[in-house]
C-alpha cells in the first residue's frame, strides 16, 4: 500500500472521527445511526493511521505531497 493521504486529510478524518465518537458516547445519536457513526469513525481512524484510503485508489485521488516516482 502506497500512501495516498496528505496531512490535512488525515487531520480532518481524525477530527470527524472524534466528533462522531463523542456523539455516540454522550448518547446524542442512538440506534442504528449510532452504530453506523461508530463504524465510520473507526474506518476514518484506521485509514488516517495507515495514510491509505482504498476509495481514493478507486477514484484516482492522491492528496499525499510525498515525492511521486
N, C-alpha and C. Protein backbone atom coordinates (compact mmCIF):
# COMPACT_ATOMS: atom_id res chain seq x y z
N UNK A 1 0.84 -1.18 0.00
CA UNK A 1 0.00 0.00 0.00
C UNK A 1 0.88 1.24 0.00
N UNK A 2 0.66 2.06 -0.97
CA UNK A 2 1.39 3.31 -1.08
C UNK A 2 0.50 4.42 -0.51
N UNK A 3 1.08 5.26 0.32
CA UNK A 3 0.32 6.34 0.96
C UNK A 3 -0.34 7.22 -0.09
N UNK A 4 -1.63 7.54 0.13
CA UNK A 4 -2.33 8.43 -0.78
C UNK A 4 -3.12 9.51 -0.04
N UNK A 5 -2.81 9.71 1.24
CA UNK A 5 -3.49 10.72 2.04
C UNK A 5 -2.48 11.71 2.60
N UNK A 6 -2.79 12.99 2.45
CA UNK A 6 -1.94 14.03 2.98
C UNK A 6 -2.23 14.32 4.44
N UNK A 7 -1.42 15.19 5.03
CA UNK A 7 -1.55 15.52 6.45
C UNK A 7 -2.88 16.19 6.77
N UNK A 8 -3.29 17.13 5.95
CA UNK A 8 -4.56 17.83 6.19
C UNK A 8 -5.73 16.85 6.13
N UNK A 9 -5.72 15.97 5.16
CA UNK A 9 -6.77 14.97 5.02
C UNK A 9 -6.84 14.05 6.23
N UNK A 10 -5.68 13.63 6.68
CA UNK A 10 -5.63 12.76 7.86
C UNK A 10 -6.16 13.48 9.10
N UNK A 11 -5.79 14.73 9.27
CA UNK A 11 -6.23 15.51 10.42
C UNK A 11 -7.74 15.71 10.42
N UNK A 12 -8.30 16.00 9.26
CA UNK A 12 -9.75 16.18 9.14
C UNK A 12 -10.48 14.89 9.48
N UNK A 13 -9.96 13.77 9.02
CA UNK A 13 -10.60 12.48 9.32
C UNK A 13 -10.56 12.17 10.82
N UNK A 14 -9.45 12.46 11.47
CA UNK A 14 -9.34 12.23 12.92
C UNK A 14 -10.34 13.12 13.66
N UNK A 15 -10.46 14.38 13.23
CA UNK A 15 -11.40 15.30 13.86
C UNK A 15 -12.84 14.82 13.70
N UNK A 16 -13.21 14.40 12.49
CA UNK A 16 -14.56 13.89 12.26
C UNK A 16 -14.81 12.63 13.08
N UNK A 17 -13.82 11.76 13.18
CA UNK A 17 -13.96 10.54 13.98
C UNK A 17 -14.17 10.87 15.44
N UNK A 18 -13.45 11.87 15.95
CA UNK A 18 -13.60 12.28 17.34
C UNK A 18 -15.00 12.83 17.59
N UNK A 19 -15.50 13.64 16.68
CA UNK A 19 -16.85 14.20 16.83
C UNK A 19 -17.89 13.08 16.82
N UNK A 20 -17.76 12.14 15.91
CA UNK A 20 -18.70 11.02 15.85
C UNK A 20 -18.65 10.18 17.12
N UNK A 21 -17.45 9.96 17.65
CA UNK A 21 -17.31 9.17 18.88
C UNK A 21 -17.95 9.90 20.06
N UNK A 22 -17.75 11.20 20.14
CA UNK A 22 -18.37 11.98 21.23
C UNK A 22 -19.89 11.93 21.12
N UNK A 23 -20.42 12.07 19.92
CA UNK A 23 -21.87 12.00 19.73
C UNK A 23 -22.41 10.63 20.15
N UNK A 24 -21.66 9.58 19.86
CA UNK A 24 -22.08 8.24 20.24
C UNK A 24 -22.04 8.04 21.75
N UNK A 25 -20.90 8.37 22.36
CA UNK A 25 -20.73 8.09 23.78
C UNK A 25 -21.53 9.01 24.70
N UNK A 26 -21.97 10.16 24.20
CA UNK A 26 -22.83 11.04 25.01
C UNK A 26 -24.30 10.70 24.82
N UNK A 27 -24.59 9.79 23.90
CA UNK A 27 -25.97 9.39 23.67
C UNK A 27 -26.74 10.35 22.79
N UNK A 28 -26.07 11.27 22.13
CA UNK A 28 -26.74 12.21 21.25
C UNK A 28 -27.36 11.49 20.06
N UNK A 29 -26.65 10.50 19.54
CA UNK A 29 -27.21 9.67 18.48
C UNK A 29 -27.34 8.26 19.03
N UNK A 30 -28.42 7.60 18.66
CA UNK A 30 -28.69 6.26 19.18
C UNK A 30 -29.17 5.35 18.06
N UNK A 31 -29.27 4.09 18.38
CA UNK A 31 -29.81 3.11 17.45
C UNK A 31 -28.86 2.78 16.32
N UNK A 32 -29.44 2.51 15.17
CA UNK A 32 -28.67 2.11 14.00
C UNK A 32 -27.72 3.20 13.56
N UNK A 33 -28.16 4.45 13.59
CA UNK A 33 -27.30 5.56 13.19
C UNK A 33 -26.08 5.67 14.08
N UNK A 34 -26.23 5.36 15.34
CA UNK A 34 -25.09 5.41 16.26
C UNK A 34 -24.05 4.36 15.90
N UNK A 35 -24.50 3.16 15.57
CA UNK A 35 -23.59 2.09 15.19
C UNK A 35 -22.88 2.45 13.88
N UNK A 36 -23.63 2.97 12.92
CA UNK A 36 -23.04 3.37 11.65
C UNK A 36 -21.98 4.46 11.88
N UNK A 37 -22.31 5.44 12.72
CA UNK A 37 -21.37 6.53 13.01
C UNK A 37 -20.11 6.00 13.67
N UNK A 38 -20.23 5.05 14.57
CA UNK A 38 -19.08 4.48 15.24
C UNK A 38 -18.20 3.69 14.27
N UNK A 39 -18.81 2.97 13.36
CA UNK A 39 -18.06 2.22 12.35
C UNK A 39 -17.32 3.18 11.42
N UNK A 40 -18.00 4.24 10.98
CA UNK A 40 -17.37 5.24 10.12
C UNK A 40 -16.19 5.88 10.85
N UNK A 41 -16.38 6.20 12.12
CA UNK A 41 -15.29 6.79 12.91
C UNK A 41 -14.10 5.83 12.97
N UNK A 42 -14.36 4.55 13.18
CA UNK A 42 -13.29 3.56 13.22
C UNK A 42 -12.54 3.46 11.90
N UNK A 43 -13.27 3.48 10.80
CA UNK A 43 -12.64 3.42 9.47
C UNK A 43 -11.80 4.67 9.24
N UNK A 44 -12.32 5.84 9.64
CA UNK A 44 -11.56 7.08 9.48
C UNK A 44 -10.26 7.05 10.27
N UNK A 45 -10.32 6.55 11.49
CA UNK A 45 -9.11 6.48 12.32
C UNK A 45 -8.10 5.50 11.69
N UNK A 46 -8.58 4.35 11.29
CA UNK A 46 -7.70 3.34 10.69
C UNK A 46 -7.03 3.87 9.43
N UNK A 47 -7.81 4.46 8.53
CA UNK A 47 -7.23 4.96 7.29
C UNK A 47 -6.29 6.13 7.55
N UNK A 48 -6.55 6.90 8.59
CA UNK A 48 -5.65 8.01 8.92
C UNK A 48 -4.31 7.50 9.43
N UNK A 49 -4.31 6.45 10.22
CA UNK A 49 -3.07 5.92 10.75
C UNK A 49 -2.20 5.26 9.69
N UNK A 50 -2.82 4.63 8.71
CA UNK A 50 -2.03 3.97 7.67
C UNK A 50 -1.81 4.86 6.45
N UNK A 51 -2.41 6.04 6.44
CA UNK A 51 -2.28 7.02 5.35
C UNK A 51 -2.69 6.45 3.99
N UNK A 52 -3.64 5.56 4.01
CA UNK A 52 -4.10 4.94 2.77
C UNK A 52 -5.61 4.81 2.79
N UNK A 53 -6.27 5.28 1.74
CA UNK A 53 -7.71 5.15 1.62
C UNK A 53 -8.03 4.36 0.35
N UNK A 54 -8.63 3.19 0.48
CA UNK A 54 -8.96 2.39 -0.70
C UNK A 54 -9.89 3.11 -1.68
N UNK A 55 -10.79 3.93 -1.17
CA UNK A 55 -11.71 4.68 -2.05
C UNK A 55 -10.94 5.67 -2.92
N UNK A 56 -9.88 6.26 -2.37
CA UNK A 56 -9.06 7.17 -3.16
C UNK A 56 -8.43 6.45 -4.34
N UNK A 57 -8.02 5.21 -4.12
CA UNK A 57 -7.43 4.42 -5.20
C UNK A 57 -8.45 4.18 -6.31
N UNK A 58 -9.68 3.88 -5.93
CA UNK A 58 -10.72 3.63 -6.92
C UNK A 58 -11.00 4.85 -7.79
N UNK A 59 -10.96 6.04 -7.17
CA UNK A 59 -11.27 7.28 -7.88
C UNK A 59 -10.04 8.01 -8.40
N UNK A 60 -8.85 7.48 -8.14
CA UNK A 60 -7.62 8.10 -8.63
C UNK A 60 -7.22 9.36 -7.88
N UNK A 61 -7.61 9.48 -6.63
CA UNK A 61 -7.29 10.65 -5.82
C UNK A 61 -6.01 10.39 -5.03
N UNK A 62 -5.16 11.41 -4.94
CA UNK A 62 -3.95 11.31 -4.14
C UNK A 62 -3.67 12.68 -3.52
N UNK A 63 -3.86 12.82 -2.21
CA UNK A 63 -3.63 14.09 -1.53
C UNK A 63 -2.28 14.13 -0.83
N UNK A 64 -1.50 13.08 -0.98
CA UNK A 64 -0.21 12.99 -0.34
C UNK A 64 0.81 13.84 -1.12
N UNK A 65 1.58 14.65 -0.41
CA UNK A 65 2.57 15.52 -1.05
C UNK A 65 3.93 14.86 -1.17
N UNK A 66 4.04 13.57 -0.83
CA UNK A 66 5.31 12.86 -0.92
C UNK A 66 5.77 12.80 -2.37
N UNK A 67 7.07 12.61 -2.54
CA UNK A 67 7.62 12.52 -3.89
C UNK A 67 7.01 11.34 -4.62
N UNK A 68 6.58 11.60 -5.81
CA UNK A 68 5.99 10.55 -6.62
C UNK A 68 6.98 10.13 -7.69
N UNK A 69 7.14 8.84 -7.86
CA UNK A 69 8.09 8.33 -8.86
C UNK A 69 7.46 8.26 -10.23
